PDB file of N, CA and C in Angstrom:
ATOM      1  N   UNK A   1      11.522  -9.127   2.454  1.00  0.00           N
ATOM      2  CA  UNK A   1      10.332  -8.882   2.527  1.00  0.00           C
ATOM      3  C   UNK A   1       9.662  -7.805   1.174  1.00  0.00           C
ATOM      4  N   UNK A   2      10.548  -6.974   0.687  1.00  0.00           N
ATOM      5  CA  UNK A   2       9.783  -6.366  -0.516  1.00  0.00           C
ATOM      6  C   UNK A   2      10.039  -7.267  -1.618  1.00  0.00           C
ATOM      7  N   UNK A   3      10.701  -8.245  -1.627  1.00  0.00           N
ATOM      8  CA  UNK A   3      10.681  -8.863  -3.381  1.00  0.00           C
ATOM      9  C   UNK A   3       9.864  -9.843  -2.736  1.00  0.00           C
ATOM     10  N   UNK A   4       9.264 -10.547  -1.412  1.00  0.00           N
ATOM     11  CA  UNK A   4       8.205 -11.200  -1.215  1.00  0.00           C
ATOM     12  C   UNK A   4       7.095 -10.993  -1.809  1.00  0.00           C
ATOM     13  N   UNK A   5       6.432  -9.402  -1.630  1.00  0.00           N
ATOM     14  CA  UNK A   5       5.524  -8.619  -1.904  1.00  0.00           C
ATOM     15  C   UNK A   5       5.449  -8.706  -3.159  1.00  0.00           C
ATOM     16  N   UNK A   6       6.865  -7.611  -3.735  1.00  0.00           N
ATOM     17  CA  UNK A   6       6.758  -8.063  -5.179  1.00  0.00           C
ATOM     18  C   UNK A   6       6.417  -9.085  -6.364  1.00  0.00           C
ATOM     19  N   UNK A   7       7.298 -10.613  -5.760  1.00  0.00           N
ATOM     20  CA  UNK A   7       6.526 -11.440  -6.619  1.00  0.00           C
ATOM     21  C   UNK A   7       5.138 -12.258  -5.736  1.00  0.00           C
ATOM     22  N   UNK A   8       4.725 -11.703  -4.880  1.00  0.00           N
ATOM     23  CA  UNK A   8       3.043 -11.569  -4.344  1.00  0.00           C
ATOM     24  C   UNK A   8       1.804 -11.055  -5.510  1.00  0.00           C
ATOM     25  N   UNK A   9       2.493 -10.100  -5.544  1.00  0.00           N
ATOM     26  CA  UNK A   9       2.176  -9.036  -6.457  1.00  0.00           C
ATOM     27  C   UNK A   9       1.663  -9.536  -7.694  1.00  0.00           C
ATOM     28  N   UNK A  10       3.173 -10.372  -8.472  1.00  0.00           N
ATOM     29  CA  UNK A  10       2.583 -10.522  -9.787  1.00  0.00           C
ATOM     30  C   UNK A  10       1.957 -11.889  -9.961  1.00  0.00           C
ATOM     31  N   UNK A  11       2.314 -13.039  -8.965  1.00  0.00           N
ATOM     32  CA  UNK A  11       1.466 -14.123  -9.044  1.00  0.00           C
ATOM     33  C   UNK A  11       0.118 -13.864  -8.693  1.00  0.00           C
ATOM     34  N   UNK A  12      -0.495 -13.060  -7.933  1.00  0.00           N
ATOM     35  CA  UNK A  12      -1.906 -12.583  -7.645  1.00  0.00           C
ATOM     36  C   UNK A  12      -2.469 -11.559  -8.688  1.00  0.00           C
ATOM     37  N   UNK A  13      -1.469 -10.944  -8.998  1.00  0.00           N
ATOM     38  CA  UNK A  13      -2.145 -10.132 -10.689  1.00  0.00           C
ATOM     39  C   UNK A  13      -2.688 -10.863 -11.973  1.00  0.00           C
ATOM     40  N   UNK A  14      -1.393 -11.893 -11.858  1.00  0.00           N
ATOM     41  CA  UNK A  14      -1.432 -12.883 -12.821  1.00  0.00           C
ATOM     42  C   UNK A  14      -2.498 -14.077 -13.159  1.00  0.00           C
ATOM     43  N   UNK A  15      -3.205 -14.124 -11.868  1.00  0.00           N
ATOM     44  CA  UNK A  15      -3.894 -15.387 -11.751  1.00  0.00           C
ATOM     45  C   UNK A  15      -5.595 -14.080 -12.102  1.00  0.00           C
ATOM     46  N   UNK A  16      -5.239 -13.064 -11.328  1.00  0.00           N
ATOM     47  CA  UNK A  16      -6.509 -12.339 -11.563  1.00  0.00           C
ATOM     48  C   UNK A  16      -6.705 -12.432 -13.085  1.00  0.00           C
ATOM     49  N   UNK A  17      -5.980 -12.059 -13.501  1.00  0.00           N
ATOM     50  CA  UNK A  17      -6.036 -11.456 -15.371  1.00  0.00           C
ATOM     51  C   UNK A  17      -6.059 -12.931 -16.148  1.00  0.00           C
ATOM     52  N   UNK A  18      -5.478 -14.010 -15.519  1.00  0.00           N
ATOM     53  CA  UNK A  18      -5.873 -15.430 -16.202  1.00  0.00           C
ATOM     54  C   UNK A  18      -7.568 -15.574 -15.895  1.00  0.00           C
ATOM     55  N   UNK A  19      -8.089 -15.430 -15.164  1.00  0.00           N
ATOM     56  CA  UNK A  19      -9.450 -15.479 -14.712  1.00  0.00           C
ATOM     57  C   UNK A  19     -10.052 -14.471 -14.846  1.00  0.00           C
ATOM     58  N   UNK A  20      -9.412 -13.572 -15.822  1.00  0.00           N
ATOM     59  CA  UNK A  20     -10.720 -11.960 -16.084  1.00  0.00           C
ATOM     60  C   UNK A  20     -11.142 -11.811 -15.009  1.00  0.00           C
ATOM     61  N   UNK A  21     -10.646 -11.914 -13.932  1.00  0.00           N
ATOM     62  CA  UNK A  21     -11.657 -11.030 -12.240  1.00  0.00           C
ATOM     63  C   UNK A  21     -11.895  -9.195 -12.867  1.00  0.00           C
ATOM     64  N   UNK A  22     -13.437  -8.841 -12.309  1.00  0.00           N
ATOM     65  CA  UNK A  22     -13.277  -7.605 -12.081  1.00  0.00           C
ATOM     66  C   UNK A  22     -11.779  -6.996 -10.887  1.00  0.00           C
ATOM     67  N   UNK A  23     -11.991  -7.643 -10.194  1.00  0.00           N
ATOM     68  CA  UNK A  23     -10.592  -7.233  -9.254  1.00  0.00           C
ATOM     69  C   UNK A  23      -9.389  -6.585  -9.803  1.00  0.00           C
ATOM     70  N   UNK A  24      -8.922  -7.578 -10.973  1.00  0.00           N
ATOM     71  CA  UNK A  24      -7.504  -7.592 -12.045  1.00  0.00           C
ATOM     72  C   UNK A  24      -7.011  -6.188 -11.868  1.00  0.00           C
ATOM     73  N   UNK A  25      -5.416  -5.482 -11.397  1.00  0.00           N
ATOM     74  CA  UNK A  25      -5.439  -4.060 -11.928  1.00  0.00           C
ATOM     75  C   UNK A  25      -5.445  -3.960 -13.006  1.00  0.00           C
ATOM     76  N   UNK A  26      -5.766  -2.799 -13.186  1.00  0.00           N
ATOM     77  CA  UNK A  26      -5.966  -2.008 -14.750  1.00  0.00           C
ATOM     78  C   UNK A  26      -4.446  -1.860 -15.669  1.00  0.00           C
ATOM     79  N   UNK A  27      -4.118  -2.225 -16.314  1.00  0.00           N
ATOM     80  CA  UNK A  27      -2.706  -2.134 -16.889  1.00  0.00           C
ATOM     81  C   UNK A  27      -2.019  -2.810 -16.150  1.00  0.00           C
ATOM     82  N   UNK A  28      -1.957  -3.910 -15.874  1.00  0.00           N
ATOM     83  CA  UNK A  28      -0.995  -4.911 -15.204  1.00  0.00           C
ATOM     84  C   UNK A  28       0.010  -4.843 -15.681  1.00  0.00           C
ATOM     85  N   UNK A  29       1.150  -4.935 -15.062  1.00  0.00           N
ATOM     86  CA  UNK A  29       2.965  -5.051 -15.547  1.00  0.00           C
ATOM     87  C   UNK A  29       3.194  -4.064 -16.351  1.00  0.00           C
ATOM     88  N   UNK A  30       2.550  -2.726 -16.576  1.00  0.00           N
ATOM     89  CA  UNK A  30       2.750  -1.765 -17.326  1.00  0.00           C
ATOM     90  C   UNK A  30       3.623  -1.064 -16.746  1.00  0.00           C
ATOM     91  N   UNK A  31       4.493  -0.572 -17.122  1.00  0.00           N
ATOM     92  CA  UNK A  31       6.167   0.185 -16.825  1.00  0.00           C
ATOM     93  C   UNK A  31       5.424   1.968 -16.833  1.00  0.00           C
ATOM     94  N   UNK A  32       4.598   2.320 -17.829  1.00  0.00           N
ATOM     95  CA  UNK A  32       3.998   3.421 -17.689  1.00  0.00           C
ATOM     96  C   UNK A  32       3.073   3.676 -16.658  1.00  0.00           C
ATOM     97  N   UNK A  33       1.917   2.695 -16.382  1.00  0.00           N
ATOM     98  CA  UNK A  33       0.752   3.095 -15.939  1.00  0.00           C
ATOM     99  C   UNK A  33       0.265   2.221 -14.903  1.00  0.00           C
ATOM    100  N   UNK A  34       1.345   1.300 -14.305  1.00  0.00           N
ATOM    101  CA  UNK A  34       0.852   0.539 -13.182  1.00  0.00           C
ATOM    102  C   UNK A  34       1.516   0.832 -12.247  1.00  0.00           C
ATOM    103  N   UNK A  35       1.412   2.035 -10.698  1.00  0.00           N
ATOM    104  CA  UNK A  35       2.058   2.626  -9.728  1.00  0.00           C
ATOM    105  C   UNK A  35       2.700   1.399  -9.007  1.00  0.00           C
ATOM    106  N   UNK A  36       1.992   0.393  -8.872  1.00  0.00           N
ATOM    107  CA  UNK A  36       2.098  -1.017  -7.807  1.00  0.00           C
ATOM    108  C   UNK A  36       3.641  -1.113  -8.336  1.00  0.00           C
ATOM    109  N   UNK A  37       3.469  -1.486  -9.451  1.00  0.00           N
ATOM    110  CA  UNK A  37       4.253  -2.481  -9.932  1.00  0.00           C
ATOM    111  C   UNK A  37       5.543  -1.538  -9.837  1.00  0.00           C
ATOM    112  N   UNK A  38       5.789  -0.470 -10.485  1.00  0.00           N
ATOM    113  CA  UNK A  38       6.628   0.291 -10.808  1.00  0.00           C
ATOM    114  C   UNK A  38       7.958   0.898  -9.286  1.00  0.00           C
ATOM    115  N   UNK A  39       6.611   1.014  -7.832  1.00  0.00           N
ATOM    116  CA  UNK A  39       7.292   1.457  -6.944  1.00  0.00           C
ATOM    117  C   UNK A  39       7.889   0.469  -6.285  1.00  0.00           C
ATOM    118  N   UNK A  40       7.090  -0.678  -6.788  1.00  0.00           N
ATOM    119  CA  UNK A  40       7.488  -2.201  -5.968  1.00  0.00           C
ATOM    120  C   UNK A  40       9.251  -2.665  -6.642  1.00  0.00           C
ATOM    121  N   UNK A  41       9.202  -2.125  -7.350  1.00  0.00           N
ATOM    122  CA  UNK A  41      10.496  -2.829  -8.401  1.00  0.00           C
ATOM    123  C   UNK A  41      11.494  -1.675  -8.187  1.00  0.00           C
ATOM    124  N   UNK A  42      11.012  -0.880  -8.023  1.00  0.00           N
ATOM    125  CA  UNK A  42      12.116   0.616  -7.169  1.00  0.00           C
ATOM    126  C   UNK A  42      12.222  -0.135  -5.889  1.00  0.00           C
ATOM    127  N   UNK A  43      11.655  -0.583  -4.595  1.00  0.00           N
ATOM    128  CA  UNK A  43      12.039  -0.869  -3.696  1.00  0.00           C
ATOM    129  C   UNK A  43      13.029  -2.205  -4.124  1.00  0.00           C
ATOM    130  N   UNK A  44      12.866  -3.044  -4.812  1.00  0.00           N
ATOM    131  CA  UNK A  44      13.102  -4.328  -4.928  1.00  0.00           C
ATOM    132  C   UNK A  44      14.911  -3.825  -5.145  1.00  0.00           C
ATOM    133  N   UNK A  45      14.826  -2.898  -6.116  1.00  0.00           N
ATOM    134  CA  UNK A  45      15.913  -2.427  -7.070  1.00  0.00           C
ATOM    135  C   UNK A  45      17.156  -1.780  -5.975  1.00  0.00           C
ATOM    136  N   UNK A  46      15.942  -0.752  -4.907  1.00  0.00           N
ATOM    137  CA  UNK A  46      17.453  -0.682  -4.127  1.00  0.00           C
ATOM    138  C   UNK A  46      17.498  -1.325  -3.053  1.00  0.00           C
ATOM    139  N   UNK A  47      16.760  -2.388  -3.058  1.00  0.00           N
ATOM    140  CA  UNK A  47      17.519  -3.232  -1.500  1.00  0.00           C
ATOM    141  C   UNK A  47      18.744  -4.102  -2.712  1.00  0.00           C
ATOM    142  N   UNK A  48      18.546  -4.298  -3.803  1.00  0.00           N
ATOM    143  CA  UNK A  48      19.284  -5.272  -4.907  1.00  0.00           C
ATOM    144  C   UNK A  48      20.971  -4.837  -4.607  1.00  0.00           C
ATOM    145  N   UNK A  49      20.593  -3.152  -5.221  1.00  0.00           N
ATOM    146  CA  UNK A  49      21.921  -2.039  -5.188  1.00  0.00           C
ATOM    147  C   UNK A  49      23.005  -2.381  -3.786  1.00  0.00           C
ATOM    148  N   UNK A  50      21.671  -1.900  -2.704  1.00  0.00           N
ATOM    149  CA  UNK A  50      22.520  -1.897  -1.261  1.00  0.00           C
ATOM    150  C   UNK A  50      23.273  -3.166  -1.045  1.00  0.00           C
ATOM    151  N   UNK A  51      22.271  -4.552  -1.377  1.00  0.00           N
ATOM    152  CA  UNK A  51      22.849  -5.517  -0.720  1.00  0.00           C
ATOM    153  C   UNK A  51      24.298  -6.163  -1.406  1.00  0.00           C
ATOM    154  N   UNK A  52      23.944  -6.067  -3.148  1.00  0.00           N
ATOM    155  CA  UNK A  52      24.821  -5.808  -3.603  1.00  0.00           C
ATOM    156  C   UNK A  52      26.318  -5.290  -3.075  1.00  0.00           C
ATOM    157  N   UNK A  53      26.135  -3.858  -3.201  1.00  0.00           N
ATOM    158  CA  UNK A  53      27.334  -3.471  -3.075  1.00  0.00           C
ATOM    159  C   UNK A  53      27.876  -2.990  -2.076  1.00  0.00           C
ATOM    160  N   UNK A  54      27.285  -3.585  -0.787  1.00  0.00           N
ATOM    161  CA  UNK A  54      27.741  -3.906   0.335  1.00  0.00           C
ATOM    162  C   UNK A  54      28.811  -5.064   0.572  1.00  0.00           C
ATOM    163  N   UNK A  55      28.280  -6.225  -0.098  1.00  0.00           N
ATOM    164  CA  UNK A  55      28.758  -7.613  -0.282  1.00  0.00           C
ATOM    165  C   UNK A  55      30.258  -7.656  -1.042  1.00  0.00           C
ATOM    166  N   UNK A  56      29.853  -6.850  -2.027  1.00  0.00           N
ATOM    167  CA  UNK A  56      30.817  -6.551  -2.865  1.00  0.00           C
ATOM    168  C   UNK A  56      32.638  -5.114  -2.306  1.00  0.00           C
ATOM    169  N   UNK A  57      31.768  -4.176  -1.529  1.00  0.00           N
ATOM    170  CA  UNK A  57      32.343  -3.458  -0.924  1.00  0.00           C
ATOM    171  C   UNK A  57      33.601  -4.588   0.461  1.00  0.00           C
ATOM    172  N   UNK A  58      32.747  -5.178   0.604  1.00  0.00           N
ATOM    173  CA  UNK A  58      32.990  -6.348   1.797  1.00  0.00           C
ATOM    174  C   UNK A  58      34.191  -7.031   1.243  1.00  0.00           C
ATOM    175  N   UNK A  59      33.950  -7.550   0.555  1.00  0.00           N
ATOM    176  CA  UNK A  59      34.788  -8.877  -0.290  1.00  0.00           C
ATOM    177  C   UNK A  59      36.213  -7.904  -0.547  1.00  0.00           C
ATOM    178  N   UNK A  60      35.772  -6.868  -0.808  1.00  0.00           N
ATOM    179  CA  UNK A  60      37.255  -5.757  -2.011  1.00  0.00           C
ATOM    180  C   UNK A  60      38.238  -4.984  -0.836  1.00  0.00           C
ATOM    181  N   UNK A  61      37.643  -4.890   0.559  1.00  0.00           N
ATOM    182  CA  UNK A  61      37.917  -4.783   1.645  1.00  0.00           C
ATOM    183  C   UNK A  61      38.928  -5.456   2.465  1.00  0.00           C
ATOM    184  N   UNK A  62      37.868  -6.897   2.170  1.00  0.00           N
ATOM    185  CA  UNK A  62      39.040  -7.771   2.885  1.00  0.00           C
ATOM    186  C   UNK A  62      39.877  -8.745   2.223  1.00  0.00           C
ATOM    187  N   UNK A  63      39.647  -8.350   1.009  1.00  0.00           N
ATOM    188  CA  UNK A  63      40.818  -9.438  -0.153  1.00  0.00           C
ATOM    189  C   UNK A  63      39.307 -10.533  -0.056  1.00  0.00           C
ATOM    190  N   UNK A  64      40.312 -11.063  -1.508  1.00  0.00           N
ATOM    191  CA  UNK A  64      39.691 -12.557  -2.048  1.00  0.00           C
ATOM    192  C   UNK A  64      40.960 -13.158  -2.738  1.00  0.00           C
ATOM    193  N   UNK A  65      40.764 -14.086  -2.149  1.00  0.00           N
ATOM    194  CA  UNK A  65      41.967 -15.040  -2.637  1.00  0.00           C
ATOM    195  C   UNK A  65      41.400 -16.599  -2.818  1.00  0.00           C
ATOM    196  N   UNK A  66      40.400 -17.248  -2.860  1.00  0.00           N
ATOM    197  CA  UNK A  66      39.840 -18.699  -3.016  1.00  0.00           C
ATOM    198  C   UNK A  66      38.715 -18.277  -4.127  1.00  0.00           C
ATOM    199  N   UNK A  67      38.773 -19.033  -4.780  1.00  0.00           N
ATOM    200  CA  UNK A  67      37.558 -19.106  -5.710  1.00  0.00           C
ATOM    201  C   UNK A  67      36.064 -18.744  -5.290  1.00  0.00           C
ATOM    202  N   UNK A  68      36.201 -19.111  -4.272  1.00  0.00           N
ATOM    203  CA  UNK A  68      34.478 -18.877  -3.861  1.00  0.00           C
ATOM    204  C   UNK A  68      34.688 -17.167  -3.566  1.00  0.00           C
ATOM    205  N   UNK A  69      35.475 -17.211  -2.991  1.00  0.00           N
ATOM    206  CA  UNK A  69      35.554 -15.193  -3.454  1.00  0.00           C
ATOM    207  C   UNK A  69      35.508 -14.427  -4.453  1.00  0.00           C
ATOM    208  N   UNK A  70      36.321 -15.171  -5.459  1.00  0.00           N
ATOM    209  CA  UNK A  70      36.262 -14.502  -6.905  1.00  0.00           C
ATOM    210  C   UNK A  70      34.802 -14.417  -7.018  1.00  0.00           C
ATOM    211  N   UNK A  71      34.180 -15.774  -7.249  1.00  0.00           N
ATOM    212  CA  UNK A  71      32.638 -15.881  -7.711  1.00  0.00           C
ATOM    213  C   UNK A  71      31.915 -14.815  -6.765  1.00  0.00           C
ATOM    214  N   UNK A  72      31.700 -14.485  -5.884  1.00  0.00           N
ATOM    215  CA  UNK A  72      31.155 -14.064  -5.289  1.00  0.00           C
ATOM    216  C   UNK A  72      31.358 -12.035  -5.700  1.00  0.00           C
ATOM    217  N   UNK A  73      32.228 -12.049  -5.870  1.00  0.00           N
ATOM    218  CA  UNK A  73      32.889 -10.519  -6.262  1.00  0.00           C
ATOM    219  C   UNK A  73      31.775 -10.582  -8.190  1.00  0.00           C
ATOM    220  N   UNK A  74      32.436 -11.764  -8.560  1.00  0.00           N
ATOM    221  CA  UNK A  74      31.673 -11.587 -10.077  1.00  0.00           C
ATOM    222  C   UNK A  74      30.081 -11.255  -9.772  1.00  0.00           C
ATOM    223  N   UNK A  75      29.672 -11.988  -9.202  1.00  0.00           N
ATOM    224  CA  UNK A  75      28.401 -11.786  -8.814  1.00  0.00           C
ATOM    225  C   UNK A  75      27.654 -10.857  -8.337  1.00  0.00           C
ATOM    226  N   UNK A  76      28.231 -10.093  -7.115  1.00  0.00           N
ATOM    227  CA  UNK A  76      27.651  -8.606  -6.666  1.00  0.00           C
ATOM    228  C   UNK A  76      28.383  -7.858  -7.514  1.00  0.00           C
ATOM    229  N   UNK A  77      28.679  -7.709  -8.749  1.00  0.00           N
ATOM    230  CA  UNK A  77      28.884  -6.922  -9.667  1.00  0.00           C
ATOM    231  C   UNK A  77      28.313  -7.283 -10.766  1.00  0.00           C
ATOM    232  N   UNK A  78      27.144  -8.175 -11.275  1.00  0.00           N
ATOM    233  CA  UNK A  78      26.212  -8.718 -12.027  1.00  0.00           C
ATOM    234  C   UNK A  78      25.220  -7.985 -11.438  1.00  0.00           C
ATOM    235  N   UNK A  79      24.509  -8.180 -10.059  1.00  0.00           N
ATOM    236  CA  UNK A  79      23.569  -8.135  -8.922  1.00  0.00           C
ATOM    237  C   UNK A  79      23.466  -6.202  -9.118  1.00  0.00           C
ATOM    238  N   UNK A  80      24.428  -5.984  -8.596  1.00  0.00           N
ATOM    239  CA  UNK A  80      25.238  -4.268  -8.712  1.00  0.00           C
ATOM    240  C   UNK A  80      24.228  -3.553 -10.121  1.00  0.00           C
ATOM    241  N   UNK A  81      24.525  -4.281 -11.519  1.00  0.00           N
ATOM    242  CA  UNK A  81      24.818  -3.767 -12.655  1.00  0.00           C
ATOM    243  C   UNK A  81      22.863  -4.245 -12.854  1.00  0.00           C
ATOM    244  N   UNK A  82      22.090  -5.011 -12.193  1.00  0.00           N
ATOM    245  CA  UNK A  82      20.829  -5.654 -12.691  1.00  0.00           C
ATOM    246  C   UNK A  82      19.994  -4.855 -11.583  1.00  0.00           C
ATOM    247  N   UNK A  83      20.913  -4.699 -10.520  1.00  0.00           N
ATOM    248  CA  UNK A  83      19.894  -3.686  -9.557  1.00  0.00           C
ATOM    249  C   UNK A  83      19.903  -2.455 -10.520  1.00  0.00           C
ATOM    250  N   UNK A  84      21.048  -1.312 -10.994  1.00  0.00           N
ATOM    251  CA  UNK A  84      21.392  -0.469 -11.698  1.00  0.00           C
ATOM    252  C   UNK A  84      20.331  -0.158 -12.717  1.00  0.00           C
ATOM    253  N   UNK A  85      20.016  -1.082 -13.413  1.00  0.00           N
ATOM    254  CA  UNK A  85      19.313  -1.227 -14.739  1.00  0.00           C
ATOM    255  C   UNK A  85      17.641  -1.292 -14.049  1.00  0.00           C
ATOM    256  N   UNK A  86      17.203  -1.426 -12.860  1.00  0.00           N
ATOM    257  CA  UNK A  86      16.276  -1.802 -12.484  1.00  0.00           C
ATOM    258  C   UNK A  86      15.574  -0.372 -12.031  1.00  0.00           C
ATOM    259  N   UNK A  87      16.651   0.517 -11.217  1.00  0.00           N
ATOM    260  CA  UNK A  87      16.145   1.576 -10.888  1.00  0.00           C
ATOM    261  C   UNK A  87      16.451   2.274 -11.927  1.00  0.00           C
ATOM    262  N   UNK A  88      17.279   2.418 -12.941  1.00  0.00           N
ATOM    263  CA  UNK A  88      17.142   3.223 -14.079  1.00  0.00           C
ATOM    264  C   UNK A  88      15.891   3.311 -14.881  1.00  0.00           C
ATOM    265  N   UNK A  89      14.926   1.949 -14.811  1.00  0.00           N
ATOM    266  CA  UNK A  89      13.716   1.939 -15.067  1.00  0.00           C
ATOM    267  C   UNK A  89      12.446   2.627 -14.523  1.00  0.00           C
ATOM    268  N   UNK A  90      12.667   2.099 -13.668  1.00  0.00           N
ATOM    269  CA  UNK A  90      11.847   2.833 -12.680  1.00  0.00           C
ATOM    270  C   UNK A  90      11.852   3.838 -11.790  1.00  0.00           C
ATOM    271  N   UNK A  91      12.789   4.505 -11.206  1.00  0.00           N
ATOM    272  CA  UNK A  91      13.356   5.003 -10.119  1.00  0.00           C
ATOM    273  C   UNK A  91      12.677   6.596 -11.358  1.00  0.00           C
ATOM    274  N   UNK A  92      12.979   7.502 -12.391  1.00  0.00           N
ATOM    275  CA  UNK A  92      11.846   8.588 -12.479  1.00  0.00           C
ATOM    276  C   UNK A  92      10.423   8.650 -12.575  1.00  0.00           C
ATOM    277  N   UNK A  93       9.666   7.384 -12.575  1.00  0.00           N
ATOM    278  CA  UNK A  93       8.009   7.511 -12.298  1.00  0.00           C
ATOM    279  C   UNK A  93       7.680   7.467 -11.090  1.00  0.00           C
ATOM    280  N   UNK A  94       8.770   6.693  -9.962  1.00  0.00           N
ATOM    281  CA  UNK A  94       8.054   6.520  -8.684  1.00  0.00           C
ATOM    282  C   UNK A  94       8.342   7.977  -7.986  1.00  0.00           C
ATOM    283  N   UNK A  95       9.899   8.490  -8.668  1.00  0.00           N
ATOM    284  CA  UNK A  95       9.586   9.843  -8.524  1.00  0.00           C
ATOM    285  C   UNK A  95       9.097  10.780  -8.328  1.00  0.00           C
ATOM    286  N   UNK A  96       8.510  11.162 -10.080  1.00  0.00           N
ATOM    287  CA  UNK A  96       6.951  11.840 -10.592  1.00  0.00           C
ATOM    288  C   UNK A  96       6.062  10.973  -9.447  1.00  0.00           C
ATOM    289  N   UNK A  97       5.543  10.127  -9.353  1.00  0.00           N
ATOM    290  CA  UNK A  97       4.591   9.808  -8.482  1.00  0.00           C
ATOM    291  C   UNK A  97       4.397  10.288  -7.119  1.00  0.00           C
ATOM    292  N   UNK A  98       5.898  10.559  -6.133  1.00  0.00           N
ATOM    293  CA  UNK A  98       5.812  11.254  -5.065  1.00  0.00           C
ATOM    294  C   UNK A  98       5.895  12.225  -5.179  1.00  0.00           C
ATOM    295  N   UNK A  99       6.696  13.041  -6.484  1.00  0.00           N
ATOM    296  CA  UNK A  99       6.023  14.728  -6.327  1.00  0.00           C
ATOM    297  C   UNK A  99       4.895  15.011  -6.477  1.00  0.00           C
ATOM    298  N   UNK A 100       4.243  14.316  -7.325  1.00  0.00           N
ATOM    299  CA  UNK A 100       2.531  14.268  -7.636  1.00  0.00           C
ATOM    300  C   UNK A 100       1.606  14.591  -6.622  1.00  0.00           C
ATOM    301  N   UNK A 101       2.148  13.426  -5.492  1.00  0.00           N
ATOM    302  CA  UNK A 101       1.464  13.715  -4.205  1.00  0.00           C
ATOM    303  C   UNK A 101       1.917  14.721  -3.229  1.00  0.00           C
ATOM    304  N   UNK A 102       3.053  15.194  -3.088  1.00  0.00           N
ATOM    305  CA  UNK A 102       3.328  16.011  -1.919  1.00  0.00           C
ATOM    306  C   UNK A 102       2.861  16.913  -2.096  1.00  0.00           C
ATOM    307  N   UNK A 103       2.077  17.602  -1.618  1.00  0.00           N
ATOM    308  CA  UNK A 103       1.261  18.960  -1.145  1.00  0.00           C
ATOM    309  C   UNK A 103       2.456  20.139  -1.443  1.00  0.00           C
ATOM    310  N   UNK A 104       2.366  21.098  -2.537  1.00  0.00           N
ATOM    311  CA  UNK A 104       3.292  21.825  -2.484  1.00  0.00           C
ATOM    312  C   UNK A 104       2.698  23.545  -1.713  1.00  0.00           C
TER     313      UNK A 104
END
């Protein structure tokens, strides 16, 4: 769900920027100034880490003896690293946005 929303934002945003629409988001895809981009990227990163981590844990607990199981473990590690990298880039800005919006 979150991945679909994220890619929809990318496609619609690129389309609006290409036709130079007034409705185009300002600073589109800026890691520092586009809050929709980094919040959606953080949600996708969290989903990727959770799903690949749970699949990896399942395969490590049940054992892997076939080539298919080894392939799943290899790509689960790759997905876990990719999701972690996305979170490393986007989580500080998302937390800053959440803390700025909370009344104290």
